[in-house]
Amino acid sequence: MTVDAVLFGSGHPTIILPEDANVGAIDHVIIAWDDSRVAARAVADAHAFLQCASKITVLTVTDERSLRDIGERLALSLKAWLSR
């Protein structure tokens, strides 16, 4: 519940690390995506992390809105944006 609140409520890139583990490079970035303006801003703000990532995962959450294919659209946009 706390992670959900941080991920979807911060409006900024958020780094969540294991409490008792040594963390090396941050090479897997997960984007919690709901197709909102706030989420888009957080993705833009996380550009530096996204450029360094060897793997990017897009998680989508559907609520009362129909958010069909939004994760796929973001993934395609990121691929084009990061390949420049």
N, C-alpha and C. Protein backbone atom coordinates (compact mmCIF):
# COMPACT_ATOMS: atom_id res chain seq x y z
N MET A 1 0.82 -1.19 0.00
CA MET A 1 0.00 0.00 0.00
C MET A 1 0.87 1.25 0.00
N THR A 2 1.94 1.24 0.77
CA THR A 2 2.84 2.39 0.80
C THR A 2 3.53 2.59 -0.54
N VAL A 3 3.96 1.48 -1.15
CA VAL A 3 4.62 1.57 -2.44
C VAL A 3 3.67 2.15 -3.48
N ASP A 4 2.43 1.70 -3.50
CA ASP A 4 1.45 2.26 -4.43
C ASP A 4 1.29 3.76 -4.24
N ALA A 5 1.20 4.18 -2.99
CA ALA A 5 1.03 5.61 -2.70
C ALA A 5 2.23 6.40 -3.19
N VAL A 6 3.43 5.87 -3.00
CA VAL A 6 4.64 6.57 -3.43
C VAL A 6 4.73 6.60 -4.95
N LEU A 7 4.51 5.45 -5.58
CA LEU A 7 4.64 5.37 -7.03
C LEU A 7 3.64 6.24 -7.76
N PHE A 8 2.39 6.19 -7.34
CA PHE A 8 1.35 6.90 -8.06
C PHE A 8 1.03 8.26 -7.48
N GLY A 9 1.56 8.58 -6.32
CA GLY A 9 1.22 9.84 -5.70
C GLY A 9 2.32 10.88 -5.71
N SER A 10 3.54 10.46 -6.00
CA SER A 10 4.66 11.41 -5.91
C SER A 10 4.69 12.39 -7.06
N GLY A 11 4.38 11.92 -8.26
CA GLY A 11 4.46 12.78 -9.43
C GLY A 11 5.89 13.04 -9.86
N HIS A 12 6.81 12.31 -9.30
CA HIS A 12 8.23 12.44 -9.62
C HIS A 12 8.84 11.05 -9.75
N PRO A 13 9.99 10.95 -10.40
CA PRO A 13 10.66 9.65 -10.43
C PRO A 13 10.93 9.19 -9.00
N THR A 14 10.72 7.92 -8.75
CA THR A 14 10.88 7.36 -7.41
C THR A 14 11.77 6.14 -7.51
N ILE A 15 12.74 6.06 -6.64
CA ILE A 15 13.63 4.90 -6.61
C ILE A 15 13.29 4.10 -5.35
N ILE A 16 12.95 2.83 -5.54
CA ILE A 16 12.64 1.95 -4.42
C ILE A 16 13.71 0.87 -4.41
N LEU A 17 14.43 0.79 -3.32
CA LEU A 17 15.53 -0.16 -3.18
C LEU A 17 15.24 -1.13 -2.04
N PRO A 18 15.77 -2.34 -2.15
CA PRO A 18 15.61 -3.29 -1.05
C PRO A 18 16.27 -2.73 0.21
N GLU A 19 15.63 -2.95 1.35
CA GLU A 19 16.11 -2.38 2.61
C GLU A 19 17.47 -2.92 3.03
N ASP A 20 17.70 -4.20 2.86
CA ASP A 20 18.91 -4.81 3.39
C ASP A 20 19.78 -5.47 2.32
N ALA A 21 19.79 -4.92 1.13
CA ALA A 21 20.60 -5.50 0.06
C ALA A 21 21.53 -4.43 -0.52
N ASN A 22 22.71 -4.88 -0.92
CA ASN A 22 23.62 -3.98 -1.62
C ASN A 22 23.13 -3.86 -3.05
N VAL A 23 23.02 -2.65 -3.50
CA VAL A 23 22.51 -2.41 -4.84
C VAL A 23 23.64 -1.89 -5.71
N GLY A 24 23.83 -2.54 -6.84
CA GLY A 24 24.84 -2.10 -7.79
C GLY A 24 24.24 -1.08 -8.73
N ALA A 25 24.42 -1.29 -9.99
CA ALA A 25 23.88 -0.38 -10.99
C ALA A 25 22.37 -0.51 -11.06
N ILE A 26 21.73 0.61 -11.32
CA ILE A 26 20.28 0.58 -11.54
C ILE A 26 20.08 0.41 -13.04
N ASP A 27 19.86 -0.87 -13.44
CA ASP A 27 19.77 -1.13 -14.87
C ASP A 27 18.39 -1.62 -15.30
N HIS A 28 17.49 -1.82 -14.35
CA HIS A 28 16.11 -2.20 -14.66
C HIS A 28 15.19 -1.14 -14.08
N VAL A 29 14.53 -0.42 -14.95
CA VAL A 29 13.62 0.65 -14.54
C VAL A 29 12.19 0.20 -14.79
N ILE A 30 11.35 0.39 -13.80
CA ILE A 30 9.94 0.06 -13.94
C ILE A 30 9.14 1.35 -13.90
N ILE A 31 8.26 1.51 -14.88
CA ILE A 31 7.43 2.71 -14.96
C ILE A 31 6.00 2.32 -14.61
N ALA A 32 5.46 2.96 -13.58
CA ALA A 32 4.05 2.78 -13.22
C ALA A 32 3.28 3.81 -14.04
N TRP A 33 2.49 3.33 -14.99
CA TRP A 33 1.90 4.21 -15.99
C TRP A 33 0.38 4.18 -15.94
N ASP A 34 -0.23 5.36 -15.83
CA ASP A 34 -1.69 5.45 -15.87
C ASP A 34 -2.16 6.43 -16.93
N ASP A 35 -1.25 6.83 -17.82
CA ASP A 35 -1.56 7.71 -18.95
C ASP A 35 -1.97 9.12 -18.52
N SER A 36 -1.55 9.51 -17.32
CA SER A 36 -1.90 10.85 -16.84
C SER A 36 -0.78 11.84 -17.16
N ARG A 37 -1.12 13.09 -17.05
CA ARG A 37 -0.12 14.15 -17.26
C ARG A 37 0.99 14.07 -16.21
N VAL A 38 0.62 13.74 -14.97
CA VAL A 38 1.60 13.61 -13.90
C VAL A 38 2.57 12.46 -14.20
N ALA A 39 2.04 11.34 -14.68
CA ALA A 39 2.90 10.20 -15.02
C ALA A 39 3.83 10.55 -16.18
N ALA A 40 3.32 11.28 -17.16
CA ALA A 40 4.15 11.70 -18.30
C ALA A 40 5.29 12.59 -17.84
N ARG A 41 5.01 13.49 -16.92
CA ARG A 41 6.06 14.37 -16.39
C ARG A 41 7.11 13.57 -15.64
N ALA A 42 6.68 12.58 -14.85
CA ALA A 42 7.63 11.75 -14.12
C ALA A 42 8.52 10.96 -15.07
N VAL A 43 7.95 10.46 -16.16
CA VAL A 43 8.75 9.73 -17.16
C VAL A 43 9.77 10.68 -17.79
N ALA A 44 9.36 11.87 -18.13
CA ALA A 44 10.29 12.85 -18.72
C ALA A 44 11.39 13.20 -17.72
N ASP A 45 11.03 13.35 -16.45
CA ASP A 45 12.03 13.67 -15.42
C ASP A 45 13.01 12.52 -15.19
N ALA A 46 12.59 11.31 -15.49
CA ALA A 46 13.44 10.13 -15.27
C ALA A 46 14.30 9.79 -16.49
N HIS A 47 14.38 10.69 -17.43
CA HIS A 47 15.10 10.43 -18.69
C HIS A 47 16.51 9.89 -18.46
N ALA A 48 17.25 10.46 -17.52
CA ALA A 48 18.62 10.01 -17.27
C ALA A 48 18.66 8.54 -16.83
N PHE A 49 17.73 8.14 -15.99
CA PHE A 49 17.66 6.74 -15.56
C PHE A 49 17.27 5.84 -16.73
N LEU A 50 16.36 6.30 -17.54
CA LEU A 50 15.90 5.50 -18.67
C LEU A 50 17.00 5.27 -19.69
N GLN A 51 17.84 6.27 -19.90
CA GLN A 51 18.95 6.13 -20.85
C GLN A 51 19.95 5.10 -20.40
N CYS A 52 20.13 4.94 -19.09
CA CYS A 52 21.11 3.99 -18.55
C CYS A 52 20.55 2.59 -18.38
N ALA A 53 19.27 2.44 -18.49
CA ALA A 53 18.63 1.14 -18.22
C ALA A 53 18.86 0.17 -19.37
N SER A 54 19.12 -1.07 -18.99
CA SER A 54 19.20 -2.12 -20.01
C SER A 54 17.83 -2.77 -20.19
N LYS A 55 16.93 -2.52 -19.24
CA LYS A 55 15.58 -3.09 -19.32
C LYS A 55 14.61 -2.09 -18.72
N ILE A 56 13.51 -1.84 -19.43
CA ILE A 56 12.45 -0.95 -18.94
C ILE A 56 11.15 -1.74 -18.99
N THR A 57 10.45 -1.78 -17.86
CA THR A 57 9.17 -2.45 -17.75
C THR A 57 8.10 -1.40 -17.51
N VAL A 58 7.01 -1.49 -18.24
CA VAL A 58 5.89 -0.57 -18.07
C VAL A 58 4.75 -1.32 -17.39
N LEU A 59 4.36 -0.85 -16.20
CA LEU A 59 3.22 -1.41 -15.48
C LEU A 59 2.04 -0.47 -15.66
N THR A 60 0.90 -1.02 -15.96
CA THR A 60 -0.30 -0.20 -16.07
C THR A 60 -1.30 -0.63 -15.02
N VAL A 61 -2.05 0.33 -14.54
CA VAL A 61 -3.08 0.07 -13.56
C VAL A 61 -4.39 0.56 -14.16
N THR A 62 -5.36 -0.30 -14.18
CA THR A 62 -6.66 0.12 -14.68
C THR A 62 -7.61 0.24 -13.51
N ASP A 63 -8.32 1.30 -13.51
CA ASP A 63 -9.29 1.59 -12.47
C ASP A 63 -10.65 1.65 -13.14
N GLU A 64 -11.32 2.74 -12.92
CA GLU A 64 -12.61 2.91 -13.55
C GLU A 64 -12.50 3.33 -15.02
N ARG A 65 -11.34 3.87 -15.41
CA ARG A 65 -11.14 4.27 -16.80
C ARG A 65 -10.69 3.07 -17.63
N SER A 66 -11.00 3.09 -18.89
CA SER A 66 -10.50 2.07 -19.80
C SER A 66 -9.15 2.54 -20.33
N LEU A 67 -8.10 1.82 -20.00
CA LEU A 67 -6.75 2.23 -20.38
C LEU A 67 -6.13 1.21 -21.32
N ARG A 68 -6.87 0.86 -22.32
CA ARG A 68 -6.44 -0.18 -23.25
C ARG A 68 -5.21 0.25 -24.04
N ASP A 69 -4.23 -0.60 -24.07
CA ASP A 69 -3.01 -0.44 -24.88
C ASP A 69 -2.14 0.75 -24.49
N ILE A 70 -2.38 1.38 -23.34
CA ILE A 70 -1.55 2.54 -23.00
C ILE A 70 -0.12 2.15 -22.69
N GLY A 71 0.08 0.97 -22.11
CA GLY A 71 1.43 0.52 -21.82
C GLY A 71 2.23 0.28 -23.08
N GLU A 72 1.58 -0.33 -24.05
CA GLU A 72 2.24 -0.60 -25.33
C GLU A 72 2.58 0.71 -26.06
N ARG A 73 1.66 1.66 -26.02
CA ARG A 73 1.93 2.95 -26.67
C ARG A 73 3.11 3.65 -26.01
N LEU A 74 3.18 3.61 -24.66
CA LEU A 74 4.31 4.23 -23.97
C LEU A 74 5.60 3.52 -24.34
N ALA A 75 5.59 2.20 -24.36
CA ALA A 75 6.80 1.44 -24.69
C ALA A 75 7.30 1.80 -26.09
N LEU A 76 6.41 1.91 -27.05
CA LEU A 76 6.82 2.30 -28.41
C LEU A 76 7.37 3.72 -28.44
N SER A 77 6.75 4.62 -27.71
CA SER A 77 7.24 6.00 -27.64
C SER A 77 8.62 6.07 -27.00
N LEU A 78 8.80 5.32 -25.91
CA LEU A 78 10.11 5.31 -25.25
C LEU A 78 11.19 4.76 -26.15
N LYS A 79 10.85 3.70 -26.87
CA LYS A 79 11.83 3.10 -27.79
C LYS A 79 12.30 4.12 -28.82
N ALA A 80 11.36 4.86 -29.39
CA ALA A 80 11.72 5.89 -30.37
C ALA A 80 12.49 7.04 -29.73
N TRP A 81 12.06 7.45 -28.55
CA TRP A 81 12.68 8.58 -27.84
C TRP A 81 14.11 8.26 -27.41
N LEU A 82 14.32 7.06 -26.90
CA LEU A 82 15.64 6.69 -26.40
C LEU A 82 16.61 6.26 -27.48
N SER A 83 16.11 5.96 -28.68
CA SER A 83 17.00 5.56 -29.76
C SER A 83 17.59 6.75 -30.53
N ARG A 84 17.17 7.94 -30.16
CA ARG A 84 17.70 9.14 -30.84
C ARG A 84 19.14 9.38 -30.48
